[in-house]
C-alpha atoms as a PDB file:
ATOM      1  CA  MET A   1     -24.199  -2.664 -11.254  1.00  0.00           C
ATOM      2  CA  ALA A   2     -22.084  -3.984 -14.102  1.00  0.00           C
ATOM      3  CA  ALA A   3     -19.301  -6.410 -13.229  1.00  0.00           C
ATOM      4  CA  PRO A   4     -15.799  -5.004 -13.591  1.00  0.00           C
ATOM      5  CA  GLY A   5     -13.810  -5.923 -16.669  1.00  0.00           C
ATOM      6  CA  ARG A   6     -11.218  -8.658 -16.422  1.00  0.00           C
ATOM      7  CA  THR A   7      -8.397  -6.100 -16.395  1.00  0.00           C
ATOM      8  CA  ALA A   8      -9.990  -4.142 -13.549  1.00  0.00           C
ATOM      9  CA  ALA A   9     -10.751  -7.288 -11.531  1.00  0.00           C
ATOM     10  CA  ASP A  10      -7.174  -8.576 -11.912  1.00  0.00           C
ATOM     11  CA  LEU A  11      -5.734  -5.149 -11.102  1.00  0.00           C
ATOM     12  CA  ALA A  12      -8.025  -4.838  -8.065  1.00  0.00           C
ATOM     13  CA  GLU A  13      -6.809  -8.162  -6.690  1.00  0.00           C
ATOM     14  CA  ARG A  14      -3.158  -7.150  -7.045  1.00  0.00           C
ATOM     15  CA  LEU A  15      -3.800  -3.655  -5.671  1.00  0.00           C
ATOM     16  CA  LEU A  16      -5.568  -4.999  -2.567  1.00  0.00           C
ATOM     17  CA  ALA A  17      -2.539  -7.250  -2.011  1.00  0.00           C
ATOM     18  CA  GLY A  18      -0.348  -4.139  -1.881  1.00  0.00           C
ATOM     19  CA  ASP A  19       1.279  -4.399  -5.334  1.00  0.00           C
ATOM     20  CA  LYS A  20       2.919  -1.000  -6.073  1.00  0.00           C
ATOM     21  CA  ARG A  21       2.841  -1.503  -9.858  1.00  0.00           C
ATOM     22  CA  ALA A  22      -0.875  -2.268  -9.747  1.00  0.00           C
ATOM     23  CA  LEU A  23      -1.445   0.883  -7.687  1.00  0.00           C
ATOM     24  CA  ALA A  24       0.566   3.013 -10.138  1.00  0.00           C
ATOM     25  CA  ARG A  25      -1.374   1.580 -13.096  1.00  0.00           C
ATOM     26  CA  ALA A  26      -4.709   2.106 -11.336  1.00  0.00           C
ATOM     27  CA  ILE A  27      -3.984   5.789 -10.631  1.00  0.00           C
ATOM     28  CA  THR A  28      -2.979   6.331 -14.269  1.00  0.00           C
ATOM     29  CA  LEU A  29      -6.293   4.836 -15.434  1.00  0.00           C
ATOM     30  CA  VAL A  30      -8.282   7.122 -13.134  1.00  0.00           C
ATOM     31  CA  GLU A  31      -6.212  10.182 -14.058  1.00  0.00           C
ATOM     32  CA  ASN A  32      -6.867   9.496 -17.740  1.00  0.00           C
ATOM     33  CA  ASP A  33     -10.616   9.077 -17.092  1.00  0.00           C
ATOM     34  CA  ASP A  34     -10.419   5.498 -18.412  1.00  0.00           C
ATOM     35  CA  PRO A  35     -13.619   3.463 -17.765  1.00  0.00           C
ATOM     36  CA  GLU A  36     -11.466   0.591 -16.434  1.00  0.00           C
ATOM     37  CA  GLY A  37     -10.178   2.982 -13.780  1.00  0.00           C
ATOM     38  CA  TRP A  38     -13.666   3.824 -12.564  1.00  0.00           C
ATOM     39  CA  ASP A  39     -14.546   0.097 -12.576  1.00  0.00           C
ATOM     40  CA  LEU A  40     -11.501  -0.464 -10.421  1.00  0.00           C
ATOM     41  CA  VAL A  41     -12.413   2.254  -7.901  1.00  0.00           C
ATOM     42  CA  ARG A  42     -15.904   0.740  -7.661  1.00  0.00           C
ATOM     43  CA  GLU A  43     -14.396  -2.704  -7.000  1.00  0.00           C
ATOM     44  CA  VAL A  44     -11.994  -1.641  -4.222  1.00  0.00           C
ATOM     45  CA  TYR A  45     -14.071   1.120  -2.609  1.00  0.00           C
ATOM     46  CA  PRO A  46     -15.482  -1.145   0.167  1.00  0.00           C
ATOM     47  CA  HIS A  47     -11.871  -1.720   1.296  1.00  0.00           C
ATOM     48  CA  THR A  48     -11.167   1.999   1.883  1.00  0.00           C
ATOM     49  CA  GLY A  49     -11.488   4.242   4.937  1.00  0.00           C
ATOM     50  CA  ARG A  50      -8.665   2.776   6.993  1.00  0.00           C
ATOM     51  CA  ALA A  51      -5.734   5.087   6.159  1.00  0.00           C
ATOM     52  CA  ALA A  52      -4.968   8.318   8.005  1.00  0.00           C
ATOM     53  CA  MET A  53      -5.161  11.060   5.363  1.00  0.00           C
ATOM     54  CA  VAL A  54      -3.096  14.167   6.106  1.00  0.00           C
ATOM     55  CA  GLY A  55      -3.108  17.250   3.855  1.00  0.00           C
ATOM     56  CA  PHE A  56      -0.219  19.724   3.691  1.00  0.00           C
ATOM     57  CA  THR A  57      -0.874  23.220   2.415  1.00  0.00           C
ATOM     58  CA  GLY A  58       0.966  26.534   2.457  1.00  0.00           C
ATOM     59  CA  PRO A  59       2.795  28.989   0.201  1.00  0.00           C
ATOM     60  CA  PRO A  60       5.421  27.804  -2.312  1.00  0.00           C
ATOM     61  CA  GLY A  61       8.958  27.396  -1.040  1.00  0.00           C
ATOM     62  CA  VAL A  62       8.159  26.761   2.628  1.00  0.00           C
ATOM     63  CA  GLY A  63       9.552  23.223   2.503  1.00  0.00           C
ATOM     64  CA  LYS A  64       6.416  21.070   2.337  1.00  0.00           C
ATOM     65  CA  SER A  65       8.187  18.338   0.340  1.00  0.00           C
ATOM     66  CA  THR A  66      11.157  18.249   2.739  1.00  0.00           C
ATOM     67  CA  LEU A  67       8.762  18.103   5.687  1.00  0.00           C
ATOM     68  CA  ILE A  68       6.793  15.238   4.132  1.00  0.00           C
ATOM     69  CA  GLY A  69      10.045  13.403   3.372  1.00  0.00           C
ATOM     70  CA  ALA A  70      11.085  13.680   7.030  1.00  0.00           C
ATOM     71  CA  LEU A  71       7.623  12.592   8.249  1.00  0.00           C
ATOM     72  CA  THR A  72       7.735   9.632   5.857  1.00  0.00           C
ATOM     73  CA  ALA A  73      11.089   8.533   7.308  1.00  0.00           C
ATOM     74  CA  HIS A  74       9.629   8.884  10.823  1.00  0.00           C
ATOM     75  CA  ALA A  75       6.562   6.799   9.905  1.00  0.00           C
ATOM     76  CA  ARG A  76       8.724   4.085   8.334  1.00  0.00           C
ATOM     77  CA  LYS A  77      10.714   3.737  11.563  1.00  0.00           C
ATOM     78  CA  ALA A  78       7.384   2.887  13.191  1.00  0.00           C
ATOM     79  CA  ASP A  79       6.830   0.309  10.409  1.00  0.00           C
ATOM     80  CA  ARG A  80       3.906   2.257   8.933  1.00  0.00           C
ATOM     81  CA  GLU A  81       3.333   2.071   5.172  1.00  0.00           C
ATOM     82  CA  VAL A  82       3.118   5.464   3.498  1.00  0.00           C
ATOM     83  CA  ALA A  83       1.774   6.925   0.255  1.00  0.00           C
ATOM     84  CA  VAL A  84       2.573  10.479  -0.852  1.00  0.00           C
ATOM     85  CA  LEU A  85       0.421  12.295  -3.403  1.00  0.00           C
ATOM     86  CA  SER A  86       1.991  15.549  -4.620  1.00  0.00           C
ATOM     87  CA  ILE A  87      -0.241  17.860  -6.631  1.00  0.00           C
ATOM     88  CA  ASP A  88       1.898  19.732  -9.171  1.00  0.00           C
ATOM     89  CA  PRO A  89       1.249  22.522 -11.674  1.00  0.00           C
ATOM     90  CA  SER A  90       0.213  21.215 -15.076  1.00  0.00           C
ATOM     91  CA  SER A  91       2.757  21.246 -17.838  1.00  0.00           C
ATOM     92  CA  PRO A  92       1.391  23.433 -20.662  1.00  0.00           C
ATOM     93  CA  PHE A  93       2.814  20.894 -23.138  1.00  0.00           C
ATOM     94  CA  THR A  94       1.944  17.455 -21.781  1.00  0.00           C
ATOM     95  CA  LYS A  95      -0.778  18.237 -19.221  1.00  0.00           C
ATOM     96  CA  GLY A  96       1.268  16.056 -16.892  1.00  0.00           C
ATOM     97  CA  ALA A  97       2.937  16.897 -13.609  1.00  0.00           C
ATOM     98  CA  LEU A  98       5.542  19.529 -14.359  1.00  0.00           C
ATOM     99  CA  LEU A  99       7.821  18.658 -11.449  1.00  0.00           C
ATOM    100  CA  GLY A 100       7.382  14.901 -11.680  1.00  0.00           C
ATOM    101  CA  ASP A 101       7.922  12.791  -8.578  1.00  0.00           C
ATOM    102  CA  ARG A 102       9.420  15.109  -6.013  1.00  0.00           C
ATOM    103  CA  ILE A 103      13.206  15.324  -6.037  1.00  0.00           C
ATOM    104  CA  ARG A 104      13.274  15.767  -2.271  1.00  0.00           C
ATOM    105  CA  LEU A 105      11.543  12.422  -1.767  1.00  0.00           C
ATOM    106  CA  THR A 106      14.029  10.390  -3.819  1.00  0.00           C
ATOM    107  CA  GLU A 107      15.554   8.726  -0.758  1.00  0.00           C
ATOM    108  CA  HIS A 108      12.273   6.803  -0.350  1.00  0.00           C
ATOM    109  CA  PHE A 109      11.885   5.617  -3.973  1.00  0.00           C
ATOM    110  CA  LEU A 110      13.432   2.186  -3.363  1.00  0.00           C
ATOM    111  CA  ASP A 111      11.519   1.574  -0.139  1.00  0.00           C
ATOM    112  CA  ALA A 112       8.747  -0.965  -0.768  1.00  0.00           C
ATOM    113  CA  GLY A 113       6.799   0.576   2.125  1.00  0.00           C
ATOM    114  CA  VAL A 114       6.596   3.994   0.429  1.00  0.00           C
ATOM    115  CA  PHE A 115       4.608   4.898  -2.692  1.00  0.00           C
ATOM    116  CA  ILE A 116       5.112   8.364  -4.233  1.00  0.00           C
ATOM    117  CA  ARG A 117       3.041   9.878  -7.007  1.00  0.00           C
ATOM    118  CA  SER A 118       2.649  13.331  -8.573  1.00  0.00           C
ATOM    119  CA  MET A 119      -0.565  14.430 -10.243  1.00  0.00           C
ATOM    120  CA  ALA A 120      -1.231  17.526 -12.316  1.00  0.00           C
ATOM    121  CA  THR A 121      -3.774  20.145 -11.253  1.00  0.00           C
ATOM    122  CA  ARG A 122      -4.980  20.349 -14.883  1.00  0.00           C
ATOM    123  CA  GLY A 123      -6.292  23.851 -14.370  1.00  0.00           C
ATOM    124  CA  SER A 124      -8.042  23.221 -11.059  1.00  0.00           C
ATOM    125  CA  LEU A 125      -8.107  26.591  -9.272  1.00  0.00           C
ATOM    126  CA  GLY A 126      -8.206  25.027  -5.836  1.00  0.00           C
ATOM    127  CA  GLY A 127      -4.845  23.333  -6.212  1.00  0.00           C
ATOM    128  CA  LEU A 128      -6.171  19.771  -6.500  1.00  0.00           C
ATOM    129  CA  SER A 129      -7.023  17.776  -9.597  1.00  0.00           C
ATOM    130  CA  GLU A 130     -10.414  16.158 -10.188  1.00  0.00           C
ATOM    131  CA  ALA A 131      -8.993  12.665  -9.714  1.00  0.00           C
ATOM    132  CA  THR A 132      -7.110  13.385  -6.479  1.00  0.00           C
ATOM    133  CA  LEU A 133      -9.518  11.772  -4.027  1.00  0.00           C
ATOM    134  CA  GLN A 134      -9.911   8.785  -6.352  1.00  0.00           C
ATOM    135  CA  ALA A 135      -6.131   8.323  -6.316  1.00  0.00           C
ATOM    136  CA  ALA A 136      -6.095   8.666  -2.524  1.00  0.00           C
ATOM    137  CA  LEU A 137      -8.859   6.044  -2.257  1.00  0.00           C
ATOM    138  CA  LEU A 138      -6.788   3.644  -4.364  1.00  0.00           C
ATOM    139  CA  MET A 139      -3.775   4.262  -2.086  1.00  0.00           C
ATOM    140  CA  ASP A 140      -6.005   3.601   0.920  1.00  0.00           C
ATOM    141  CA  ALA A 141      -7.297   0.342  -0.591  1.00  0.00           C
ATOM    142  CA  SER A 142      -3.727  -0.833  -1.199  1.00  0.00           C
ATOM    143  CA  GLY A 143      -3.164  -1.002   2.558  1.00  0.00           C
ATOM    144  CA  ARG A 144      -1.207   2.191   3.216  1.00  0.00           C
ATOM    145  CA  ASP A 145      -1.399   3.379   6.822  1.00  0.00           C
ATOM    146  CA  ASP A 146      -0.667   7.061   6.118  1.00  0.00           C
ATOM    147  CA  ILE A 147      -1.470   9.103   3.020  1.00  0.00           C
ATOM    148  CA  PHE A 148       0.220  12.504   2.741  1.00  0.00           C
ATOM    149  CA  LEU A 149      -1.410  14.940   0.287  1.00  0.00           C
ATOM    150  CA  GLU A 150       0.723  17.887  -0.790  1.00  0.00           C
ATOM    151  CA  THR A 151      -0.832  20.752  -2.737  1.00  0.00           C
ATOM    152  CA  VAL A 152       0.782  23.067  -5.237  1.00  0.00           C
ATOM    153  CA  GLY A 153       0.912  25.917  -2.705  1.00  0.00           C
ATOM    154  CA  ILE A 154      -1.087  28.676  -4.353  1.00  0.00           C
ATOM    155  CA  GLY A 155      -2.309  30.398  -1.201  1.00  0.00           C
ATOM    156  CA  GLN A 156      -5.889  31.183  -0.318  1.00  0.00           C
ATOM    157  CA  ALA A 157      -7.408  29.537  -3.405  1.00  0.00           C
ATOM    158  CA  GLU A 158      -6.013  26.270  -2.087  1.00  0.00           C
ATOM    159  CA  VAL A 159      -8.788  25.727   0.437  1.00  0.00           C
ATOM    160  CA  ASP A 160     -10.170  22.600  -1.253  1.00  0.00           C
ATOM    161  CA  ILE A 161      -7.462  20.569   0.509  1.00  0.00           C
ATOM    162  CA  ILE A 162      -9.972  20.502   3.378  1.00  0.00           C
ATOM    163  CA  ASP A 163     -12.189  18.300   1.221  1.00  0.00           C
ATOM    164  CA  HIS A 164      -9.531  15.620   0.932  1.00  0.00           C
ATOM    165  CA  ALA A 165      -7.932  15.201   4.347  1.00  0.00           C
ATOM    166  CA  ASP A 166      -8.753  14.055   7.876  1.00  0.00           C
ATOM    167  CA  THR A 167      -6.076  16.392   9.271  1.00  0.00           C
ATOM    168  CA  VAL A 168      -4.850  19.575   7.580  1.00  0.00           C
ATOM    169  CA  VAL A 169      -1.333  20.880   8.263  1.00  0.00           C
ATOM    170  CA  LEU A 170      -0.521  24.474   7.296  1.00  0.00           C
ATOM    171  CA  VAL A 171       3.208  24.956   6.644  1.00  0.00           C
ATOM    172  CA  LEU A 172       4.655  28.468   6.903  1.00  0.00           C
ATOM    173  CA  MET A 173       8.131  29.968   7.085  1.00  0.00           C
ATOM    174  CA  PRO A 174       9.381  33.211   8.624  1.00  0.00           C
ATOM    175  CA  GLY A 175      10.677  36.118   6.589  1.00  0.00           C
ATOM    176  CA  ALA A 176       8.468  35.562   3.534  1.00  0.00           C
ATOM    177  CA  GLY A 177       5.686  37.887   2.416  1.00  0.00           C
ATOM    178  CA  ASP A 178       3.588  34.947   1.229  1.00  0.00           C
ATOM    179  CA  SER A 179       3.653  33.502   4.740  1.00  0.00           C
ATOM    180  CA  ILE A 180       2.184  36.702   6.160  1.00  0.00           C
ATOM    181  CA  GLN A 181      -0.520  36.620   3.463  1.00  0.00           C
ATOM    182  CA  ALA A 182      -1.384  33.091   4.572  1.00  0.00           C
ATOM    183  CA  LEU A 183      -2.346  34.482   7.983  1.00  0.00           C
ATOM    184  CA  LYS A 184      -5.429  36.013   6.373  1.00  0.00           C
ATOM    185  CA  ALA A 185      -8.864  34.468   6.767  1.00  0.00           C
ATOM    186  CA  GLY A 186      -9.472  31.662   4.318  1.00  0.00           C
ATOM    187  CA  VAL A 187      -6.282  29.731   4.827  1.00  0.00           C
ATOM    188  CA  MET A 188      -6.041  30.244   8.577  1.00  0.00           C
ATOM    189  CA  GLU A 189      -9.540  28.807   8.990  1.00  0.00           C
ATOM    190  CA  ILE A 190      -8.394  25.496   7.543  1.00  0.00           C
ATOM    191  CA  PRO A 191      -5.522  24.083   9.589  1.00  0.00           C
ATOM    192  CA  ASP A 192      -5.657  21.564  12.416  1.00  0.00           C
ATOM    193  CA  VAL A 193      -1.902  21.909  12.946  1.00  0.00           C
ATOM    194  CA  ILE A 194       0.439  24.795  12.008  1.00  0.00           C
ATOM    195  CA  VAL A 195       4.148  24.265  11.367  1.00  0.00           C
ATOM    196  CA  VAL A 196       6.703  27.061  11.156  1.00  0.00           C
ATOM    197  CA  ASN A 197       9.448  25.439   9.093  1.00  0.00           C
ATOM    198  CA  LYS A 198      13.005  26.783   8.639  1.00  0.00           C
ATOM    199  CA  SER A 199      12.651  27.970  12.229  1.00  0.00           C
ATOM    200  CA  ASP A 200      16.329  28.880  12.634  1.00  0.00           C
ATOM    201  CA  HIS A 201      15.414  32.179  10.905  1.00  0.00           C
ATOM    202  CA  PRO A 202      15.800  35.295  13.127  1.00  0.00           C
ATOM    203  CA  LEU A 203      12.175  36.341  12.458  1.00  0.00           C
ATOM    204  CA  THR A 204      10.714  33.058  13.733  1.00  0.00           C
ATOM    205  CA  ASP A 205       9.682  34.406  17.159  1.00  0.00           C
ATOM    206  CA  THR A 206       7.982  37.412  15.553  1.00  0.00           C
ATOM    207  CA  MET A 207       6.028  35.188  13.199  1.00  0.00           C
ATOM    208  CA  ILE A 208       4.955  32.821  15.972  1.00  0.00           C
ATOM    209  CA  ARG A 209       3.627  35.798  17.972  1.00  0.00           C
ATOM    210  CA  GLU A 210       1.645  36.917  14.893  1.00  0.00           C
ATOM    211  CA  ILE A 211       0.168  33.458  14.386  1.00  0.00           C
ATOM    212  CA  ARG A 212      -0.785  33.149  18.061  1.00  0.00           C
ATOM    213  CA  GLY A 213      -2.443  36.550  17.803  1.00  0.00           C
ATOM    214  CA  VAL A 214      -4.584  35.368  14.887  1.00  0.00           C
ATOM    215  CA  LEU A 215      -5.426  32.071  16.621  1.00  0.00           C
ATOM    216  CA  SER A 216      -6.514  33.946  19.752  1.00  0.00           C
ATOM    217  CA  LEU A 217      -9.301  35.555  17.699  1.00  0.00           C
ATOM    218  CA  GLY A 218     -10.771  32.149  16.831  1.00  0.00           C
ATOM    219  CA  PRO A 219     -12.901  29.707  18.871  1.00  0.00           C
ATOM    220  CA  GLN A 220     -11.346  28.880  22.242  1.00  0.00           C
ATOM    221  CA  GLU A 221     -13.229  25.623  22.790  1.00  0.00           C
ATOM    222  CA  GLY A 222     -12.695  22.227  21.203  1.00  0.00           C
ATOM    223  CA  TRP A 223      -9.446  21.422  19.411  1.00  0.00           C
ATOM    224  CA  GLN A 224      -6.784  24.082  19.958  1.00  0.00           C
ATOM    225  CA  VAL A 225      -4.543  24.358  16.895  1.00  0.00           C
ATOM    226  CA  PRO A 226      -0.971  23.517  17.971  1.00  0.00           C
ATOM    227  CA  LEU A 227       2.007  25.485  16.664  1.00  0.00           C
ATOM    228  CA  VAL A 228       5.139  23.441  15.906  1.00  0.00           C
ATOM    229  CA  ARG A 229       8.623  24.751  15.151  1.00  0.00           C
ATOM    230  CA  ALA A 230      10.539  22.627  12.652  1.00  0.00           C
ATOM    231  CA  GLU A 231      13.750  22.495  10.699  1.00  0.00           C
ATOM    232  CA  ALA A 232      12.747  19.708   8.330  1.00  0.00           C
ATOM    233  CA  SER A 233      16.072  19.525   6.496  1.00  0.00           C
ATOM    234  CA  ARG A 234      17.717  18.531   9.795  1.00  0.00           C
ATOM    235  CA  GLY A 235      14.820  16.440  11.084  1.00  0.00           C
ATOM    236  CA  GLU A 236      14.100  18.848  13.945  1.00  0.00           C
ATOM    237  CA  GLY A 237      10.516  19.101  15.178  1.00  0.00           C
ATOM    238  CA  ILE A 238       9.405  16.068  13.143  1.00  0.00           C
ATOM    239  CA  GLU A 239       8.633  13.847  16.115  1.00  0.00           C
ATOM    240  CA  GLU A 240       6.565  16.592  17.755  1.00  0.00           C
ATOM    241  CA  LEU A 241       4.713  17.235  14.483  1.00  0.00           C
ATOM    242  CA  SER A 242       3.958  13.518  14.106  1.00  0.00           C
ATOM    243  CA  GLU A 243       2.637  13.446  17.673  1.00  0.00           C
ATOM    244  CA  ARG A 244       0.426  16.500  17.045  1.00  0.00           C
ATOM    245  CA  ILE A 245      -1.034  14.950  13.892  1.00  0.00           C
ATOM    246  CA  ALA A 246      -1.741  11.695  15.778  1.00  0.00           C
ATOM    247  CA  ALA A 247      -3.286  13.668  18.667  1.00  0.00           C
ATOM    248  CA  HIS A 248      -5.612  15.491  16.273  1.00  0.00           C
ATOM    249  CA  ARG A 249      -6.740  12.230  14.719  1.00  0.00           C
ATOM    250  CA  ALA A 250      -7.375  10.740  18.169  1.00  0.00           C
ATOM    251  CA  HIS A 251      -9.371  13.860  19.068  1.00  0.00           C
ATOM    252  CA  ILE A 252     -11.661  13.749  16.032  1.00  0.00           C
ATOM    253  CA  GLU A 253     -12.168   9.995  16.450  1.00  0.00           C
ATOM    254  CA  GLU A 254     -13.130  10.506  20.095  1.00  0.00           C
ATOM    255  CA  GLU A 255     -15.411  13.458  19.276  1.00  0.00           C
ATOM    256  CA  GLY A 256     -17.030  11.581  16.395  1.00  0.00           C
ATOM    257  CA  THR A 257     -16.073  14.314  13.937  1.00  0.00           C
ATOM    258  CA  LEU A 258     -13.832  12.073  11.798  1.00  0.00           C
ATOM    259  CA  SER A 259     -16.886  10.347  10.332  1.00  0.00           C
ATOM    260  CA  GLU A 260     -18.541  13.771   9.875  1.00  0.00           C
ATOM    261  CA  ARG A 261     -15.511  15.093   7.994  1.00  0.00           C
ATOM    262  CA  ARG A 262     -15.377  12.058   5.761  1.00  0.00           C
ATOM    263  CA  ARG A 263     -19.104  12.268   5.051  1.00  0.00           C
ATOM    264  CA  ARG A 264     -18.693  15.932   4.023  1.00  0.00           C
ATOM    265  CA  ASN A 265     -15.578  15.133   1.968  1.00  0.00           C
ATOM    266  CA  LEU A 266     -17.272  12.318   0.062  1.00  0.00           C
ATOM    267  CA  MET A 267     -20.446  14.336  -0.529  1.00  0.00           C
ATOM    268  CA  ASN A 268     -18.347  17.204  -1.903  1.00  0.00           C
ATOM    269  CA  GLU A 269     -16.467  14.775  -4.135  1.00  0.00           C
ATOM    270  CA  VAL A 270     -19.714  13.338  -5.547  1.00  0.00           C
ATOM    271  CA  VAL A 271     -21.008  16.846  -6.322  1.00  0.00           C
ATOM    272  CA  ALA A 272     -17.646  17.895  -7.849  1.00  0.00           C
ATOM    273  CA  LEU A 273     -17.499  14.818 -10.100  1.00  0.00           C
ATOM    274  CA  ALA A 274     -21.118  15.322 -11.190  1.00  0.00           C
ATOM    275  CA  ALA A 275     -20.490  19.031 -11.887  1.00  0.00           C
ATOM    276  CA  ASN A 276     -17.385  18.268 -13.962  1.00  0.00           C
ATOM    277  CA  ARG A 277     -19.223  15.647 -15.989  1.00  0.00           C
ATOM    278  CA  LEU A 278     -22.172  17.995 -16.561  1.00  0.00           C
ATOM    279  CA  ARG A 279     -19.742  20.681 -17.704  1.00  0.00           C
ATOM    280  CA  ARG A 280     -18.110  18.316 -20.199  1.00  0.00           C
ATOM    281  CA  ARG A 281     -21.529  17.245 -21.462  1.00  0.00           C
ATOM    282  CA  LEU A 282     -22.550  20.886 -21.810  1.00  0.00           C
ATOM    283  CA  GLU A 283     -19.354  21.772 -23.699  1.00  0.00           C
ATOM    284  CA  GLU A 284     -19.917  18.873 -26.096  1.00  0.00           C
ATOM    285  CA  SER A 285     -23.497  19.959 -26.763  1.00  0.00           C
ATOM    286  CA  ILE A 286     -22.338  23.544 -27.418  1.00  0.00           C
ATOM    287  CA  ARG A 287     -19.975  22.339 -30.131  1.00  0.00           C
ATOM    288  CA  GLU A 288     -22.638  20.257 -31.843  1.00  0.00           C
ATOM    289  CA  ASP A 289     -25.846  22.285 -31.365  1.00  0.00           C
ATOM    290  CA  GLU A 290     -26.560  25.010 -33.949  1.00  0.00           C
ATOM    291  CA  GLY A 291     -29.208  26.560 -31.688  1.00  0.00           C
ATOM    292  CA  VAL A 292     -26.619  27.031 -28.950  1.00  0.00           C
ATOM    293  CA  GLN A 293     -24.198  28.632 -31.406  1.00  0.00           C
ATOM    294  CA  GLU A 294     -26.928  31.071 -32.486  1.00  0.00           C
ATOM    295  CA  LEU A 295     -27.571  31.894 -28.826  1.00  0.00           C
ATOM    296  CA  LEU A 296     -23.871  32.652 -28.301  1.00  0.00           C
ATOM    297  CA  ASP A 297     -23.823  34.759 -31.467  1.00  0.00           C
ATOM    298  CA  GLU A 298     -26.593  36.882 -29.930  1.00  0.00           C
ATOM    299  CA  VAL A 299     -24.374  37.480 -26.885  1.00  0.00           C
ATOM    300  CA  VAL A 300     -21.395  38.421 -29.072  1.00  0.00           C
ATOM    301  CA  ALA A 301     -23.608  40.865 -30.995  1.00  0.00           C
ATOM    302  CA  ARG A 302     -24.651  42.421 -27.634  1.00  0.00           C
ATOM    303  CA  ARG A 303     -28.318  41.668 -28.262  1.00  0.00           C
ATOM    304  CA  LEU A 304     -28.488  39.218 -25.336  1.00  0.00           C
ATOM    305  CA  ASP A 305     -26.723  39.439 -21.985  1.00  0.00           C
ATOM    306  CA  PRO A 306     -24.607  36.477 -20.757  1.00  0.00           C
ATOM    307  CA  ALA A 307     -26.778  35.684 -17.712  1.00  0.00           C
ATOM    308  CA  THR A 308     -29.969  35.424 -19.800  1.00  0.00           C
ATOM    309  CA  ALA A 309     -28.095  33.335 -22.358  1.00  0.00           C
ATOM    310  CA  ALA A 310     -26.909  30.978 -19.594  1.00  0.00           C
ATOM    311  CA  THR A 311     -30.493  30.533 -18.374  1.00  0.00           C
ATOM    312  CA  ARG A 312     -31.685  29.721 -21.894  1.00  0.00           C
ATOM    313  CA  LEU A 313     -28.738  27.383 -22.439  1.00  0.00           C
ATOM    314  CA  LEU A 314     -29.732  25.363 -19.372  1.00  0.00           C
ATOM    315  CA  GLU A 315     -33.347  25.274 -20.584  1.00  0.00           C
ATOM    316  CA  LEU A 316     -32.151  23.772 -23.893  1.00  0.00           C
ATOM    317  CA  GLN A 317     -30.408  20.867 -22.137  1.00  0.00           C
ATOM    318  CA  PRO A 318     -32.272  17.533 -22.099  1.00  0.00           C
END
């Protein structure tokens, strides 16, 4: 294994000491696919695995950011260091995070014990960018106790949050069509904890009955998914939610499934990174290889079907 460059080694030292600027710089390097960034991840990786990683998913507008802000304040009262990673839609102009660092989290910006970062999905259909877990690993290495992952909230296609979190929290709100859609299989199979936010709504009781009905159809042994009412903007239900998240973590540690989850998560990440790199390599070869262009011309002329062309394309790869 090659030794890390001087920049990466220096940055790694500062990051492991908890330097927020070093952490911000490290995430930027990884997000930009800079070789120094990958050197850095390699250097600090043995120091990861200590943080509690919690993923928040659910339809847009349910108050995930407000909920995370309230949970962050609760964690800070317990003197826990927190990192928040918000996954935002990509800007069509800059390919950066369209919403930037979340407005609702601004009260924590000046707190040295809180690190907040937005990352762009960059076209990832599952709601998470390729570099998300790498960024979370860097946050973990910097000594954060809790890492809160917030996805863009695109519904059932968002299921890859399960590959990045120890505990998955599904956030819903009453009176919204999207919330009812989220009750469908796919999203409802994911959560370890369900929160009904904005619970002062008159339809809250109806929604809770619907959710309990869906949960009753699932497995009745092992961890039973708790249902928490919250009004995040007023801080209501936050302590109970924090307790439920902690209880789930204690449960999976006791059952031995935390290590299983992390093994699956890391294996999926390795495969995803390899697949993305193979795709880029394939796209580069397509641009440069005349034989590949001729193959594609055959498809355009309807003399060759796409599936056969794909098979031949793979056969042409070294």
